[in-house]
Amino acid sequence: MSNDGNVGHGFFTTPWSLVIAAGALDEEAGRKALGELVLLYKPALVFYLRKKFCADNEDLADELFSAFVEKVLVGKELVGKAQPRQGHQFRQFILTALHRFAITELRRLQALKRQPPQGIESLDRLLENDGAELGSISPVDFDVAWARNVVAEALRRMEEDCAKNGKTEVWGVFEHRLRAPILDGVPPMPYEQCVKRFGFESPAQAYNVLGIAKRKFEQHLREVISGYVADWNSVDAELRELQVILAHATSANPWPPTSAGENHGR
């Protein structure tokens, strides 16, 4: 994914916009772009396969996903079927295709030693009714796995960014005041201890740096989310959906934190 303009008001290139543009001009480029988009969802898709079909057999789940990429994503009809979808619509779209493919592939593996000449069922069959069967699948776990993967990637990028730019104190106060307490269940480090550990002049400065850290995390989170949507204007809606998904999945503090609701506790 590349950013060819100023975030928020310039031209922003995402895998979906590549698919849409390439679909009209270059079928091969369109398939490649859609494959890039689906790979963003790989951890959540493999998690779904592992839990739904593979009895936690990670190797089988990986094999099924690889077969899905090879036999479905490389199909000639793919770009024509890839209509622009946002957020949950695309997750439902791709999960429907994966679910139906997995059923067909597992049946084939059970019945045959080799693939029949006609191959795996066509994309038209896979996407028939475009998700009508998902009511019985309950893809909530898939959505949660996707949301957690997005957050994990944003955290990874933020930590890497802070280390690269000599801002370890920004990551440190964020780690000990927010990330670890929310995700690991440990008590937040008191601001007085943050002062000693990270060299702040006062608890007030530590608190202010936490605000900077939260804004930095939100920036990275938005950048990660932008890879899943067709344009930058859709990021806010996808961020809200991610927060709803994680709020329903946890009964503790909301995650991810944003710069709007900072904790004033010492």
Protein backbone atom coordinates (compact mmCIF):
# COMPACT_ATOMS: atom_id res chain seq x y z
CA MET A 1 0.00 0.00 0.00
CA SER A 2 1.28 3.43 -0.82
CA ASN A 3 0.26 6.90 0.20
CA ASP A 4 0.47 9.28 -2.73
CA GLY A 5 -0.85 12.38 -1.04
CA ASN A 6 -1.43 14.18 2.20
CA VAL A 7 -3.34 12.06 4.65
CA GLY A 8 -6.92 13.20 5.05
CA HIS A 9 -7.17 15.42 1.99
CA GLY A 10 -4.89 14.10 -0.75
CA PHE A 11 -5.15 11.09 -3.05
CA PHE A 12 -4.77 8.01 -0.89
CA THR A 13 -4.02 4.67 -2.54
CA THR A 14 -5.36 1.54 -0.84
CA PRO A 15 -5.57 -2.05 -2.11
CA TRP A 16 -9.28 -1.52 -2.83
CA SER A 17 -8.66 1.51 -5.01
CA LEU A 18 -6.00 -0.50 -6.85
CA VAL A 19 -8.49 -3.31 -7.41
CA ILE A 20 -11.12 -0.91 -8.75
CA ALA A 21 -8.68 0.84 -11.09
CA ALA A 22 -6.91 -2.30 -12.22
CA GLY A 23 -10.14 -4.20 -12.79
CA ALA A 24 -10.97 -1.95 -15.72
CA LEU A 25 -7.47 -1.88 -17.17
CA ASP A 26 -5.43 -4.90 -16.20
CA GLU A 27 -7.00 -8.09 -14.88
CA GLU A 28 -3.71 -9.49 -13.63
CA ALA A 29 -2.93 -6.30 -11.70
CA GLY A 30 -6.43 -6.35 -10.25
CA ARG A 31 -5.99 -9.91 -8.97
CA LYS A 32 -2.65 -8.99 -7.46
CA ALA A 33 -4.15 -5.97 -5.70
CA LEU A 34 -7.09 -7.94 -4.33
CA GLY A 35 -4.67 -10.62 -3.17
CA GLU A 36 -2.75 -7.93 -1.29
CA LEU A 37 -5.97 -6.80 0.36
CA VAL A 38 -6.95 -10.33 1.40
CA LEU A 39 -3.50 -10.96 2.84
CA LEU A 40 -4.15 -8.09 5.25
CA TYR A 41 -6.86 -10.30 6.69
CA LYS A 42 -4.73 -13.47 6.71
CA PRO A 43 -4.29 -13.80 10.52
CA ALA A 44 -8.04 -13.49 11.09
CA LEU A 45 -8.91 -15.77 8.17
CA VAL A 46 -6.50 -18.48 9.31
CA PHE A 47 -7.85 -18.13 12.85
CA TYR A 48 -11.37 -18.68 11.51
CA LEU A 49 -10.30 -21.76 9.55
CA ARG A 50 -8.47 -23.17 12.54
CA LYS A 51 -11.43 -22.77 14.89
CA LYS A 52 -14.23 -23.60 12.44
CA PHE A 53 -12.82 -26.45 10.38
CA CYS A 54 -9.41 -27.60 11.57
CA ALA A 55 -9.79 -28.39 15.30
CA ASP A 56 -6.89 -26.02 16.03
CA ASN A 57 -4.68 -27.75 13.45
CA GLU A 58 -2.58 -24.77 12.37
CA ASP A 59 -0.87 -26.61 9.51
CA LEU A 60 -4.19 -27.62 7.95
CA ALA A 61 -5.54 -24.08 8.37
CA ASP A 62 -2.46 -22.66 6.63
CA GLU A 63 -2.81 -25.19 3.81
CA LEU A 64 -6.47 -24.31 3.32
CA PHE A 65 -5.70 -20.60 3.22
CA SER A 66 -2.87 -21.12 0.73
CA ALA A 67 -5.20 -23.20 -1.46
CA PHE A 68 -7.84 -20.48 -1.21
CA VAL A 69 -5.35 -17.86 -2.40
CA GLU A 70 -4.10 -20.06 -5.23
CA LYS A 71 -7.38 -21.52 -6.48
CA VAL A 72 -9.78 -18.65 -5.83
CA LEU A 73 -7.82 -15.40 -5.74
CA VAL A 74 -5.92 -16.24 -8.90
CA GLY A 75 -9.15 -17.11 -10.71
CA LYS A 76 -9.92 -15.16 -13.86
CA GLU A 77 -13.34 -14.05 -12.59
CA LEU A 78 -12.05 -12.53 -9.39
CA VAL A 79 -11.66 -8.88 -10.34
CA GLY A 80 -15.12 -8.78 -11.88
CA LYS A 81 -16.62 -10.07 -8.63
CA ALA A 82 -14.71 -7.63 -6.45
CA GLN A 83 -17.18 -4.78 -6.09
CA PRO A 84 -16.14 -1.98 -3.70
CA ARG A 85 -17.14 -2.91 -0.17
CA GLN A 86 -16.33 -1.25 3.13
CA GLY A 87 -15.51 -2.69 6.53
CA HIS A 88 -17.90 -5.41 7.57
CA GLN A 89 -19.20 -5.79 4.01
CA PHE A 90 -15.80 -6.84 2.72
CA ARG A 91 -15.10 -9.06 5.71
CA GLN A 92 -18.43 -10.78 5.08
CA PHE A 93 -17.65 -11.01 1.36
CA ILE A 94 -14.28 -12.67 1.82
CA LEU A 95 -15.35 -14.84 4.77
CA THR A 96 -18.27 -16.20 2.75
CA ALA A 97 -15.94 -17.15 -0.09
CA LEU A 98 -13.43 -18.72 2.30
CA HIS A 99 -16.09 -20.66 4.22
CA ARG A 100 -17.60 -22.17 1.10
CA PHE A 101 -14.19 -22.94 -0.34
CA ALA A 102 -13.11 -24.69 2.86
CA ILE A 103 -16.21 -26.92 2.84
CA THR A 104 -15.64 -27.88 -0.79
CA GLU A 105 -11.91 -28.42 -0.36
CA LEU A 106 -12.27 -30.53 2.77
CA ARG A 107 -14.88 -32.69 1.09
CA ARG A 108 -12.54 -33.11 -1.85
CA LEU A 109 -9.66 -34.07 0.40
CA GLN A 110 -11.82 -36.64 2.12
CA ALA A 111 -13.13 -38.20 -1.10
CA LEU A 112 -10.25 -37.92 -3.57
CA LYS A 113 -6.51 -38.37 -3.69
CA ARG A 114 -6.23 -35.78 -6.44
CA GLN A 115 -8.20 -32.78 -7.63
CA PRO A 116 -10.89 -33.48 -10.27
CA PRO A 117 -10.28 -32.01 -13.75
CA GLN A 118 -12.88 -29.30 -13.26
CA GLY A 119 -11.04 -28.03 -10.17
CA ILE A 120 -12.56 -26.35 -7.14
CA GLU A 121 -16.02 -24.87 -7.65
CA SER A 122 -16.12 -21.56 -9.52
CA LEU A 123 -16.12 -18.17 -7.88
CA ASP A 124 -19.73 -17.70 -9.05
CA ARG A 125 -20.70 -20.68 -6.91
CA LEU A 126 -18.55 -19.61 -3.99
CA LEU A 127 -20.08 -16.16 -3.88
CA GLU A 128 -23.66 -17.17 -4.68
CA ASN A 129 -26.03 -15.01 -2.60
CA ASP A 130 -22.96 -13.05 -1.42
CA GLY A 131 -22.99 -14.02 2.25
CA ALA A 132 -26.51 -15.32 2.74
CA GLU A 133 -25.18 -18.35 4.61
CA LEU A 134 -23.22 -16.38 7.16
CA GLY A 135 -26.19 -16.06 9.48
CA SER A 136 -25.52 -19.63 10.57
CA ILE A 137 -21.74 -19.15 10.75
CA SER A 138 -21.60 -16.38 13.36
CA PRO A 139 -18.42 -14.60 12.19
CA VAL A 140 -18.04 -12.63 15.43
CA ASP A 141 -14.81 -14.44 16.33
CA PHE A 142 -13.43 -13.56 12.91
CA ASP A 143 -14.24 -9.88 13.40
CA VAL A 144 -12.60 -9.92 16.84
CA ALA A 145 -9.50 -11.64 15.48
CA TRP A 146 -9.30 -9.05 12.70
CA ALA A 147 -9.71 -6.14 15.15
CA ARG A 148 -7.06 -7.49 17.51
CA ASN A 149 -4.67 -8.00 14.62
CA VAL A 150 -5.20 -4.38 13.53
CA VAL A 151 -4.44 -3.15 17.06
CA ALA A 152 -1.38 -5.40 17.34
CA GLU A 153 0.00 -4.06 14.06
CA ALA A 154 -0.61 -0.46 15.15
CA LEU A 155 1.21 -1.15 18.43
CA ARG A 156 4.11 -2.75 16.56
CA ARG A 157 4.42 0.25 14.26
CA MET A 158 4.23 2.71 17.13
CA GLU A 159 6.92 0.93 19.16
CA GLU A 160 9.15 0.73 16.09
CA ASP A 161 8.53 4.41 15.30
CA CYS A 162 9.40 5.49 18.85
CA ALA A 163 12.57 3.40 18.90
CA LYS A 164 13.67 4.66 15.48
CA ASN A 165 13.17 8.30 16.42
CA GLY A 166 14.66 8.17 19.92
CA LYS A 167 11.30 8.55 21.68
CA THR A 168 11.50 5.52 23.94
CA GLU A 169 9.98 7.51 26.80
CA VAL A 170 6.83 8.06 24.70
CA TRP A 171 6.44 4.33 24.13
CA GLY A 172 7.43 3.60 27.73
CA VAL A 173 4.74 5.72 29.35
CA PHE A 174 2.16 4.41 26.86
CA GLU A 175 3.23 0.83 27.53
CA HIS A 176 3.07 1.10 31.31
CA ARG A 177 0.08 3.43 31.66
CA LEU A 178 -2.18 2.00 28.93
CA ARG A 179 -1.11 -0.99 26.86
CA ALA A 180 -0.02 -3.32 29.63
CA PRO A 181 -2.86 -2.41 32.03
CA ILE A 182 -5.53 -2.87 29.35
CA LEU A 183 -4.15 -5.89 27.52
CA ASP A 184 -2.20 -7.66 30.27
CA GLY A 185 -4.28 -6.71 33.29
CA VAL A 186 -1.42 -5.21 35.30
CA PRO A 187 -1.79 -2.04 37.41
CA PRO A 188 -0.83 1.18 35.61
CA MET A 189 2.55 2.54 36.61
CA PRO A 190 2.11 5.60 38.89
CA TYR A 191 3.15 8.86 37.27
CA GLU A 192 5.73 9.42 40.03
CA GLN A 193 7.39 6.16 39.01
CA CYS A 194 7.22 7.17 35.34
CA VAL A 195 9.15 10.32 36.26
CA LYS A 196 11.97 8.28 37.77
CA ARG A 197 12.02 5.60 35.10
CA PHE A 198 11.82 7.75 31.98
CA GLY A 199 13.47 10.97 33.16
CA PHE A 200 10.49 13.31 33.16
CA GLU A 201 10.67 16.54 35.13
CA SER A 202 7.31 16.06 36.83
CA PRO A 203 4.18 13.87 36.87
CA ALA A 204 2.47 16.59 34.83
CA GLN A 205 5.06 16.19 32.08
CA ALA A 206 4.60 12.42 32.14
CA TYR A 207 0.85 12.93 31.80
CA ASN A 208 1.34 15.29 28.86
CA VAL A 209 3.63 12.80 27.14
CA LEU A 210 0.96 10.13 27.58
CA GLY A 211 -1.39 12.39 25.63
CA ILE A 212 1.22 12.65 22.87
CA ALA A 213 1.59 8.86 22.92
CA LYS A 214 -2.13 8.31 22.57
CA ARG A 215 -2.30 10.62 19.58
CA LYS A 216 0.67 8.83 18.03
CA PHE A 217 -1.01 5.47 18.55
CA GLU A 218 -4.23 6.74 17.00
CA GLN A 219 -2.24 7.96 13.99
CA HIS A 220 -0.69 4.52 13.50
CA LEU A 221 -4.06 2.86 14.05
CA ARG A 222 -5.61 5.00 11.33
CA GLU A 223 -2.76 4.17 8.97
CA VAL A 224 -3.28 0.44 9.52
CA ILE A 225 -7.05 0.76 9.06
CA SER A 226 -6.54 2.72 5.84
CA GLY A 227 -5.26 -0.47 4.24
CA TYR A 228 -8.71 -2.02 4.57
CA VAL A 229 -10.82 0.76 3.03
CA ALA A 230 -11.20 2.35 -0.38
CA ASP A 231 -10.43 5.92 0.67
CA TRP A 232 -9.21 7.91 3.66
CA ASN A 233 -12.69 9.32 4.30
CA SER A 234 -13.84 5.83 5.32
CA VAL A 235 -11.25 5.43 8.08
CA ASP A 236 -13.36 7.06 10.80
CA ALA A 237 -16.28 4.69 10.20
CA GLU A 238 -13.97 1.67 10.22
CA LEU A 239 -12.30 2.89 13.42
CA ARG A 240 -15.69 3.20 15.11
CA GLU A 241 -16.61 -0.31 14.01
CA LEU A 242 -13.33 -1.67 15.34
CA GLN A 243 -14.00 -0.04 18.72
CA VAL A 244 -17.51 -1.55 18.82
CA ILE A 245 -16.17 -5.01 17.98
CA LEU A 246 -13.57 -4.87 20.74
CA ALA A 247 -15.96 -3.32 23.26
CA HIS A 248 -18.33 -6.25 22.78
CA ALA A 249 -15.44 -8.70 23.08
CA THR A 250 -14.13 -7.36 26.40
CA SER A 251 -15.85 -6.46 29.62
CA ALA A 252 -12.92 -4.42 30.94
CA ASN A 253 -11.54 -1.11 29.71
CA PRO A 254 -12.30 -0.06 26.13
CA TRP A 255 -9.58 -0.62 23.55
CA PRO A 256 -8.09 1.00 21.61
CA PRO A 257 -7.67 4.22 23.61
CA THR A 258 -7.96 7.48 21.73
CA SER A 259 -6.74 10.96 22.47
CA ALA A 260 -10.31 12.07 23.25
CA GLY A 261 -10.59 10.34 26.60
CA GLU A 262 -7.36 10.61 28.54
CA ASN A 263 -7.06 9.27 32.05
CA HIS A 264 -6.27 12.04 34.53
CA GLY A 265 -5.54 9.63 37.35
CA ARG A 266 -2.12 9.72 38.96
